[in-house]
Amino acid sequence: QVQLVESGGGSVQAGGSLRLSCSASGGLYRGMYMGWFRQAPGKEREGVAVISRGYDIEFYADSVKGRFTISQDTVKNTVDLQMTVLRPEDTAMYYCAAGFRDGSNPLASARYMYWGQGTQVTVSS
């Protein structure tokens, strides 16, 4: 059973930075993706960034390209999300997930079967 634990959330002023970390325990298959998703109150969950454990191939939502960077350490089984130039619209609960990506939509969440509890990110103007 895979367990994911996120950390690093908090409150920051617009334009600031935060680094989220996700620590995984339990077996993770080669070929799996690790991803960050977020959900704001009243909105649906959306994919933010995902990364392949096998190739370090990355996909980003258009809204965060150039501002967020996903990275991983496959030995430590951690995945980070470095967030810079944060905006109020980035405010959401951020979730770490592990699974497989949709072939037609890399940021879709349907094939991610393991999820963390989430960490809150609040960006004030």
C-alpha atoms as a PDB file:
ATOM      1  CA  GLN A   1       0.000   0.000   0.000  1.00  0.00           C
ATOM      2  CA  VAL A   2       1.450   3.319  -1.100  1.00  0.00           C
ATOM      3  CA  GLN A   3       1.180   6.236   1.278  1.00  0.00           C
ATOM      4  CA  LEU A   4       1.920   9.824   0.322  1.00  0.00           C
ATOM      5  CA  VAL A   5       2.539  12.686   2.717  1.00  0.00           C
ATOM      6  CA  GLU A   6       2.756  16.303   1.589  1.00  0.00           C
ATOM      7  CA  SER A   7       4.471  19.139   3.380  1.00  0.00           C
ATOM      8  CA  GLY A   8       5.569  22.691   2.740  1.00  0.00           C
ATOM      9  CA  GLY A   9       2.265  24.468   2.363  1.00  0.00           C
ATOM     10  CA  GLY A  10       1.565  27.774   3.984  1.00  0.00           C
ATOM     11  CA  SER A  11       0.680  31.387   3.411  1.00  0.00           C
ATOM     12  CA  VAL A  12       2.683  33.691   1.191  1.00  0.00           C
ATOM     13  CA  GLN A  13       2.349  37.089  -0.424  1.00  0.00           C
ATOM     14  CA  ALA A  14       1.744  37.348  -4.141  1.00  0.00           C
ATOM     15  CA  GLY A  15       5.031  37.088  -5.982  1.00  0.00           C
ATOM     16  CA  GLY A  16       6.531  34.890  -3.314  1.00  0.00           C
ATOM     17  CA  SER A  17       7.662  31.300  -3.395  1.00  0.00           C
ATOM     18  CA  LEU A  18       6.916  28.013  -1.706  1.00  0.00           C
ATOM     19  CA  ARG A  19       8.359  24.559  -2.079  1.00  0.00           C
ATOM     20  CA  LEU A  20       6.067  21.596  -1.577  1.00  0.00           C
ATOM     21  CA  SER A  21       7.414  18.151  -0.850  1.00  0.00           C
ATOM     22  CA  CYS A  22       5.827  14.738  -1.083  1.00  0.00           C
ATOM     23  CA  SER A  23       7.268  11.685   0.592  1.00  0.00           C
ATOM     24  CA  ALA A  24       6.139   8.264  -0.571  1.00  0.00           C
ATOM     25  CA  SER A  25       6.256   4.997   1.315  1.00  0.00           C
ATOM     26  CA  GLY A  26       5.390   1.586  -0.014  1.00  0.00           C
ATOM     27  CA  GLY A  27       6.124   0.215  -3.440  1.00  0.00           C
ATOM     28  CA  LEU A  28       6.105   2.462  -6.464  1.00  0.00           C
ATOM     29  CA  TYR A  29       6.277   0.851  -9.864  1.00  0.00           C
ATOM     30  CA  ARG A  30       8.705   1.843 -12.535  1.00  0.00           C
ATOM     31  CA  GLY A  31       6.717   3.618 -15.187  1.00  0.00           C
ATOM     32  CA  MET A  32       4.494   5.364 -12.682  1.00  0.00           C
ATOM     33  CA  TYR A  33       4.036   9.078 -12.656  1.00  0.00           C
ATOM     34  CA  MET A  34       4.072  11.342  -9.661  1.00  0.00           C
ATOM     35  CA  GLY A  35       1.892  14.389  -9.824  1.00  0.00           C
ATOM     36  CA  TRP A  36       0.683  17.473  -8.087  1.00  0.00           C
ATOM     37  CA  PHE A  37      -2.972  18.411  -8.279  1.00  0.00           C
ATOM     38  CA  ARG A  38      -4.900  21.195  -6.644  1.00  0.00           C
ATOM     39  CA  GLN A  39      -8.442  22.018  -5.734  1.00  0.00           C
ATOM     40  CA  ALA A  40      -9.860  25.343  -4.654  1.00  0.00           C
ATOM     41  CA  PRO A  41     -13.207  25.668  -2.853  1.00  0.00           C
ATOM     42  CA  GLY A  42     -16.080  25.362  -5.297  1.00  0.00           C
ATOM     43  CA  LYS A  43     -13.828  24.252  -8.133  1.00  0.00           C
ATOM     44  CA  GLU A  44     -12.894  20.903  -9.582  1.00  0.00           C
ATOM     45  CA  ARG A  45      -9.535  19.307  -9.038  1.00  0.00           C
ATOM     46  CA  GLU A  46      -6.989  20.210 -11.680  1.00  0.00           C
ATOM     47  CA  GLY A  47      -3.623  18.851 -12.615  1.00  0.00           C
ATOM     48  CA  VAL A  48      -0.699  21.148 -11.918  1.00  0.00           C
ATOM     49  CA  ALA A  49       2.397  19.181 -12.818  1.00  0.00           C
ATOM     50  CA  VAL A  50       3.330  15.543 -13.306  1.00  0.00           C
ATOM     51  CA  ILE A  51       6.627  13.757 -13.777  1.00  0.00           C
ATOM     52  CA  SER A  52       7.599  10.308 -14.998  1.00  0.00           C
ATOM     53  CA  ARG A  53       9.614   8.246 -12.531  1.00  0.00           C
ATOM     54  CA  GLY A  54      11.370   6.524 -15.384  1.00  0.00           C
ATOM     55  CA  TYR A  55      12.376   9.401 -17.636  1.00  0.00           C
ATOM     56  CA  ASP A  56      11.917  12.661 -15.715  1.00  0.00           C
ATOM     57  CA  ILE A  57       9.514  13.787 -18.415  1.00  0.00           C
ATOM     58  CA  GLU A  58       7.442  16.657 -17.110  1.00  0.00           C
ATOM     59  CA  PHE A  59       4.063  18.142 -17.958  1.00  0.00           C
ATOM     60  CA  TYR A  60       2.688  21.397 -16.625  1.00  0.00           C
ATOM     61  CA  ALA A  61      -0.619  23.150 -16.657  1.00  0.00           C
ATOM     62  CA  ASP A  62      -0.535  26.209 -18.890  1.00  0.00           C
ATOM     63  CA  SER A  63      -1.315  28.414 -15.918  1.00  0.00           C
ATOM     64  CA  VAL A  64       1.886  27.460 -14.089  1.00  0.00           C
ATOM     65  CA  LYS A  65       4.404  27.043 -16.909  1.00  0.00           C
ATOM     66  CA  GLY A  66       7.492  29.090 -16.246  1.00  0.00           C
ATOM     67  CA  ARG A  67       6.571  29.545 -12.598  1.00  0.00           C
ATOM     68  CA  PHE A  68       6.409  26.031 -11.130  1.00  0.00           C
ATOM     69  CA  THR A  69       8.998  23.295 -11.374  1.00  0.00           C
ATOM     70  CA  ILE A  70       8.453  19.667 -10.470  1.00  0.00           C
ATOM     71  CA  SER A  71      11.387  17.483  -9.491  1.00  0.00           C
ATOM     72  CA  GLN A  72      11.953  14.113  -7.916  1.00  0.00           C
ATOM     73  CA  ASP A  73      14.423  11.916  -6.119  1.00  0.00           C
ATOM     74  CA  THR A  74      13.599   8.341  -7.061  1.00  0.00           C
ATOM     75  CA  VAL A  75      15.991   6.962  -4.434  1.00  0.00           C
ATOM     76  CA  LYS A  76      14.371   8.842  -1.572  1.00  0.00           C
ATOM     77  CA  ASN A  77      10.936   8.493  -3.175  1.00  0.00           C
ATOM     78  CA  THR A  78      10.197  12.168  -2.928  1.00  0.00           C
ATOM     79  CA  VAL A  79       8.742  14.640  -5.372  1.00  0.00           C
ATOM     80  CA  ASP A  80       8.862  18.392  -4.955  1.00  0.00           C
ATOM     81  CA  LEU A  81       7.015  21.286  -6.468  1.00  0.00           C
ATOM     82  CA  GLN A  82       8.934  24.544  -6.477  1.00  0.00           C
ATOM     83  CA  MET A  83       6.443  27.350  -6.876  1.00  0.00           C
ATOM     84  CA  THR A  84       7.578  30.863  -7.707  1.00  0.00           C
ATOM     85  CA  VAL A  85       5.831  34.096  -8.660  1.00  0.00           C
ATOM     86  CA  LEU A  86       2.783  32.866  -6.809  1.00  0.00           C
ATOM     87  CA  ARG A  87      -0.561  34.441  -7.560  1.00  0.00           C
ATOM     88  CA  PRO A  88      -3.773  34.592  -5.526  1.00  0.00           C
ATOM     89  CA  GLU A  89      -5.375  32.241  -8.043  1.00  0.00           C
ATOM     90  CA  ASP A  90      -2.831  29.612  -7.023  1.00  0.00           C
ATOM     91  CA  THR A  91      -4.582  29.370  -3.660  1.00  0.00           C
ATOM     92  CA  ALA A  92      -5.812  25.808  -3.233  1.00  0.00           C
ATOM     93  CA  MET A  93      -5.329  22.548  -1.443  1.00  0.00           C
ATOM     94  CA  TYR A  94      -2.437  20.820  -3.164  1.00  0.00           C
ATOM     95  CA  TYR A  95      -2.358  17.040  -3.391  1.00  0.00           C
ATOM     96  CA  CYS A  96       0.421  14.676  -4.258  1.00  0.00           C
ATOM     97  CA  ALA A  97      -0.558  11.619  -6.266  1.00  0.00           C
ATOM     98  CA  ALA A  98       1.002   8.518  -7.780  1.00  0.00           C
ATOM     99  CA  GLY A  99      -0.268   6.476 -10.666  1.00  0.00           C
ATOM    100  CA  PHE A 100      -0.324   6.625 -14.435  1.00  0.00           C
ATOM    101  CA  ARG A 101      -1.016   9.416 -16.835  1.00  0.00           C
ATOM    102  CA  ASP A 102      -3.801   9.562 -19.350  1.00  0.00           C
ATOM    103  CA  GLY A 103      -2.380   9.124 -22.818  1.00  0.00           C
ATOM    104  CA  SER A 104      -4.495  11.914 -24.269  1.00  0.00           C
ATOM    105  CA  ASN A 105      -4.314  14.260 -21.286  1.00  0.00           C
ATOM    106  CA  PRO A 106      -1.140  14.112 -19.190  1.00  0.00           C
ATOM    107  CA  LEU A 107      -2.686  16.188 -16.408  1.00  0.00           C
ATOM    108  CA  ALA A 108      -5.861  14.150 -15.981  1.00  0.00           C
ATOM    109  CA  SER A 109      -6.261  12.573 -12.555  1.00  0.00           C
ATOM    110  CA  ALA A 110      -8.331   9.488 -13.402  1.00  0.00           C
ATOM    111  CA  ARG A 111      -5.432   7.037 -13.480  1.00  0.00           C
ATOM    112  CA  TYR A 112      -3.768   8.243 -10.282  1.00  0.00           C
ATOM    113  CA  MET A 113      -4.778   5.786  -7.591  1.00  0.00           C
ATOM    114  CA  TYR A 114      -2.743   6.948  -4.597  1.00  0.00           C
ATOM    115  CA  TRP A 115      -3.303  10.323  -2.996  1.00  0.00           C
ATOM    116  CA  GLY A 116      -1.943  12.277  -0.082  1.00  0.00           C
ATOM    117  CA  GLN A 117      -3.976  14.211   2.446  1.00  0.00           C
ATOM    118  CA  GLY A 118      -3.110  17.548   0.906  1.00  0.00           C
ATOM    119  CA  THR A 119      -1.345  20.696   2.009  1.00  0.00           C
ATOM    120  CA  GLN A 120      -2.910  24.138   1.900  1.00  0.00           C
ATOM    121  CA  VAL A 121      -1.353  26.938  -0.110  1.00  0.00           C
ATOM    122  CA  THR A 122      -2.726  30.419   0.397  1.00  0.00           C
ATOM    123  CA  VAL A 123      -1.486  33.362  -1.648  1.00  0.00           C
ATOM    124  CA  SER A 124      -2.562  36.809  -0.567  1.00  0.00           C
ATOM    125  CA  SER A 125      -2.531  39.941  -2.679  1.00  0.00           C
END
